[in-house]
Amino acid sequence: MEAPAISADEVEALRPLMGLGWLDTYQVVREVESGRDARGAVSTTIAAVEVGPCSLRAIGNQPQESAVAGRIQASETNAVDMPWDTTLTAADDMTVNGTSYEVHGVHRPGQLGLYATAVVSRGTS
């Protein structure tokens, strides 16, 4: 069996370089614990838990229209390329360049992947 063309160590060394050409900035936004009161009740807040460079790109024809409660709603679906070790999940929200997006999923290639890709959308109405 042939050895891979590139080693896991070489991939690890390349990952930080991927973001050098990304001109957009993302934030992972999620609910986090902000404290407990005297009775132990947890209070939470919405906070940016991760920030970094990314590349936002459109997927398919934009925008898509659908009827919601008798009204036409438009939405755009995008892909966001971001660092391979992102903590982003489909349960999170994110902002890119200050615009909020709903996260539909995050694809992380195997150990030889260089970056992760999130599929996100935002309403345009």
C-alpha atoms as a PDB file:
ATOM      1  CA  MET A   1       0.000   0.000   0.000  1.00  0.00           C
ATOM      2  CA  GLU A   2       1.343   3.410  -0.972  1.00  0.00           C
ATOM      3  CA  ALA A   3       1.882   6.114   1.613  1.00  0.00           C
ATOM      4  CA  PRO A   4      -0.434   9.145   1.329  1.00  0.00           C
ATOM      5  CA  ALA A   5       0.873  11.946  -0.859  1.00  0.00           C
ATOM      6  CA  ILE A   6       0.820  14.216   2.197  1.00  0.00           C
ATOM      7  CA  SER A   7       1.230  13.304   5.848  1.00  0.00           C
ATOM      8  CA  ALA A   8      -1.049  14.242   8.741  1.00  0.00           C
ATOM      9  CA  ASP A   9       1.776  16.403  10.149  1.00  0.00           C
ATOM     10  CA  GLU A  10       2.053  18.292   6.845  1.00  0.00           C
ATOM     11  CA  VAL A  11      -1.718  18.864   6.809  1.00  0.00           C
ATOM     12  CA  GLU A  12      -1.564  20.168  10.383  1.00  0.00           C
ATOM     13  CA  ALA A  13       1.144  22.630   9.317  1.00  0.00           C
ATOM     14  CA  LEU A  14      -0.937  23.812   6.324  1.00  0.00           C
ATOM     15  CA  ARG A  15      -4.211  24.437   8.203  1.00  0.00           C
ATOM     16  CA  PRO A  16      -3.252  27.855   9.662  1.00  0.00           C
ATOM     17  CA  LEU A  17      -2.280  29.038   6.170  1.00  0.00           C
ATOM     18  CA  MET A  18      -5.772  28.368   4.761  1.00  0.00           C
ATOM     19  CA  GLY A  19      -7.219  31.466   6.413  1.00  0.00           C
ATOM     20  CA  LEU A  20      -4.661  33.847   4.938  1.00  0.00           C
ATOM     21  CA  GLY A  21      -6.748  34.361   1.795  1.00  0.00           C
ATOM     22  CA  TRP A  22     -10.110  34.538   3.565  1.00  0.00           C
ATOM     23  CA  LEU A  23     -11.379  38.118   3.595  1.00  0.00           C
ATOM     24  CA  ASP A  24     -14.537  37.645   5.686  1.00  0.00           C
ATOM     25  CA  THR A  25     -14.838  37.389   9.485  1.00  0.00           C
ATOM     26  CA  TYR A  26     -17.156  35.012  11.348  1.00  0.00           C
ATOM     27  CA  GLN A  27     -18.423  34.726  14.908  1.00  0.00           C
ATOM     28  CA  VAL A  28     -19.952  31.589  16.435  1.00  0.00           C
ATOM     29  CA  VAL A  29     -22.861  32.732  18.602  1.00  0.00           C
ATOM     30  CA  ARG A  30     -24.414  30.486  21.253  1.00  0.00           C
ATOM     31  CA  GLU A  31     -26.119  30.516  24.615  1.00  0.00           C
ATOM     32  CA  VAL A  32     -23.580  30.211  27.453  1.00  0.00           C
ATOM     33  CA  GLU A  33     -23.858  30.014  31.215  1.00  0.00           C
ATOM     34  CA  SER A  34     -23.251  33.433  32.756  1.00  0.00           C
ATOM     35  CA  GLY A  35     -23.702  32.608  36.435  1.00  0.00           C
ATOM     36  CA  ARG A  36     -25.789  31.076  39.198  1.00  0.00           C
ATOM     37  CA  ASP A  37     -27.934  32.699  41.835  1.00  0.00           C
ATOM     38  CA  ALA A  38     -27.984  31.808  45.546  1.00  0.00           C
ATOM     39  CA  ARG A  39     -30.402  28.925  44.897  1.00  0.00           C
ATOM     40  CA  GLY A  40     -28.231  27.463  42.152  1.00  0.00           C
ATOM     41  CA  ALA A  41     -30.436  28.557  39.252  1.00  0.00           C
ATOM     42  CA  VAL A  42     -28.377  29.016  36.097  1.00  0.00           C
ATOM     43  CA  SER A  43     -28.550  32.239  34.137  1.00  0.00           C
ATOM     44  CA  THR A  44     -27.477  32.323  30.503  1.00  0.00           C
ATOM     45  CA  THR A  45     -26.579  34.879  27.907  1.00  0.00           C
ATOM     46  CA  ILE A  46     -25.950  34.871  24.167  1.00  0.00           C
ATOM     47  CA  ALA A  47     -22.263  35.385  23.394  1.00  0.00           C
ATOM     48  CA  ALA A  48     -19.699  35.095  20.620  1.00  0.00           C
ATOM     49  CA  VAL A  49     -17.603  32.073  21.590  1.00  0.00           C
ATOM     50  CA  GLU A  50     -15.319  31.934  18.546  1.00  0.00           C
ATOM     51  CA  VAL A  51     -14.111  34.539  16.043  1.00  0.00           C
ATOM     52  CA  GLY A  52     -11.918  34.113  12.985  1.00  0.00           C
ATOM     53  CA  PRO A  53     -11.350  34.512   9.252  1.00  0.00           C
ATOM     54  CA  CYS A  54     -13.647  32.784   6.774  1.00  0.00           C
ATOM     55  CA  SER A  55     -14.793  32.831   3.164  1.00  0.00           C
ATOM     56  CA  LEU A  56     -18.514  33.344   2.471  1.00  0.00           C
ATOM     57  CA  ARG A  57     -19.824  32.153  -0.903  1.00  0.00           C
ATOM     58  CA  ALA A  58     -23.264  31.769  -2.477  1.00  0.00           C
ATOM     59  CA  ILE A  59     -24.748  28.361  -3.291  1.00  0.00           C
ATOM     60  CA  GLY A  60     -27.010  28.065  -6.340  1.00  0.00           C
ATOM     61  CA  ASN A  61     -29.418  30.694  -7.605  1.00  0.00           C
ATOM     62  CA  GLN A  62     -30.134  33.457  -5.102  1.00  0.00           C
ATOM     63  CA  PRO A  63     -32.511  34.238  -3.464  1.00  0.00           C
ATOM     64  CA  GLN A  64     -34.953  31.345  -3.068  1.00  0.00           C
ATOM     65  CA  GLU A  65     -38.617  32.245  -2.493  1.00  0.00           C
ATOM     66  CA  SER A  66     -41.278  30.316  -0.592  1.00  0.00           C
ATOM     67  CA  ALA A  67     -44.731  30.977   0.850  1.00  0.00           C
ATOM     68  CA  VAL A  68     -44.775  31.251   4.643  1.00  0.00           C
ATOM     69  CA  ALA A  69     -48.108  32.007   6.359  1.00  0.00           C
ATOM     70  CA  GLY A  70     -49.531  33.307   3.086  1.00  0.00           C
ATOM     71  CA  ARG A  71     -46.598  35.660   2.411  1.00  0.00           C
ATOM     72  CA  ILE A  72     -43.672  35.280   0.061  1.00  0.00           C
ATOM     73  CA  GLN A  73     -40.391  34.969   1.961  1.00  0.00           C
ATOM     74  CA  ALA A  74     -36.969  35.015   0.345  1.00  0.00           C
ATOM     75  CA  SER A  75     -33.872  33.315   1.711  1.00  0.00           C
ATOM     76  CA  GLU A  76     -30.281  32.908   0.600  1.00  0.00           C
ATOM     77  CA  THR A  77     -28.198  29.794   1.181  1.00  0.00           C
ATOM     78  CA  ASN A  78     -24.451  30.175   1.482  1.00  0.00           C
ATOM     79  CA  ALA A  79     -21.361  28.152   2.274  1.00  0.00           C
ATOM     80  CA  VAL A  80     -18.808  29.418   4.756  1.00  0.00           C
ATOM     81  CA  ASP A  81     -15.291  27.979   4.604  1.00  0.00           C
ATOM     82  CA  MET A  82     -13.668  28.274   8.008  1.00  0.00           C
ATOM     83  CA  PRO A  83     -10.891  26.762  10.155  1.00  0.00           C
ATOM     84  CA  TRP A  84     -10.957  22.963  10.322  1.00  0.00           C
ATOM     85  CA  ASP A  85     -11.042  22.966  14.144  1.00  0.00           C
ATOM     86  CA  THR A  86     -14.052  25.283  14.485  1.00  0.00           C
ATOM     87  CA  THR A  87     -16.455  24.557  17.362  1.00  0.00           C
ATOM     88  CA  LEU A  88     -19.456  25.532  15.190  1.00  0.00           C
ATOM     89  CA  THR A  89     -22.402  23.089  15.164  1.00  0.00           C
ATOM     90  CA  ALA A  90     -25.852  23.121  13.582  1.00  0.00           C
ATOM     91  CA  ALA A  91     -27.244  24.126  17.011  1.00  0.00           C
ATOM     92  CA  ASP A  92     -25.353  27.456  16.829  1.00  0.00           C
ATOM     93  CA  ASP A  93     -25.988  30.688  15.017  1.00  0.00           C
ATOM     94  CA  MET A  94     -23.237  32.657  13.367  1.00  0.00           C
ATOM     95  CA  THR A  95     -22.516  36.073  11.962  1.00  0.00           C
ATOM     96  CA  VAL A  96     -20.356  36.801   8.945  1.00  0.00           C
ATOM     97  CA  ASN A  97     -19.256  40.403   8.514  1.00  0.00           C
ATOM     98  CA  GLY A  98     -21.976  41.433  10.981  1.00  0.00           C
ATOM     99  CA  THR A  99     -24.851  39.633   9.203  1.00  0.00           C
ATOM    100  CA  SER A 100     -26.662  36.858  11.135  1.00  0.00           C
ATOM    101  CA  TYR A 101     -27.036  33.376   9.618  1.00  0.00           C
ATOM    102  CA  GLU A 102     -28.804  30.181  10.648  1.00  0.00           C
ATOM    103  CA  VAL A 103     -26.485  27.157  10.557  1.00  0.00           C
ATOM    104  CA  HIS A 104     -27.869  24.062   8.801  1.00  0.00           C
ATOM    105  CA  GLY A 105     -24.797  21.872   9.102  1.00  0.00           C
ATOM    106  CA  VAL A 106     -21.022  21.747   9.262  1.00  0.00           C
ATOM    107  CA  HIS A 107     -18.887  19.453   7.099  1.00  0.00           C
ATOM    108  CA  ARG A 108     -15.484  18.583   8.499  1.00  0.00           C
ATOM    109  CA  PRO A 109     -13.372  16.442   6.200  1.00  0.00           C
ATOM    110  CA  GLY A 110     -11.319  13.658   7.766  1.00  0.00           C
ATOM    111  CA  GLN A 111      -7.963  14.106   9.426  1.00  0.00           C
ATOM    112  CA  LEU A 112      -6.419  15.181   6.126  1.00  0.00           C
ATOM    113  CA  GLY A 113      -8.955  17.994   5.596  1.00  0.00           C
ATOM    114  CA  LEU A 114      -7.697  21.565   5.486  1.00  0.00           C
ATOM    115  CA  TYR A 115     -10.887  23.467   6.410  1.00  0.00           C
ATOM    116  CA  ALA A 116     -14.508  23.005   7.481  1.00  0.00           C
ATOM    117  CA  THR A 117     -17.520  24.202   5.481  1.00  0.00           C
ATOM    118  CA  ALA A 118     -20.782  25.360   7.070  1.00  0.00           C
ATOM    119  CA  VAL A 119     -24.056  25.592   5.130  1.00  0.00           C
ATOM    120  CA  VAL A 120     -25.969  28.661   6.343  1.00  0.00           C
ATOM    121  CA  SER A 121     -28.969  30.760   5.336  1.00  0.00           C
ATOM    122  CA  ARG A 122     -30.505  34.098   6.077  1.00  0.00           C
ATOM    123  CA  GLY A 123     -33.896  35.546   5.317  1.00  0.00           C
ATOM    124  CA  THR A 124     -34.010  38.548   3.016  1.00  0.00           C
ATOM    125  CA  SER A 125     -37.527  39.810   3.760  1.00  0.00           C
END
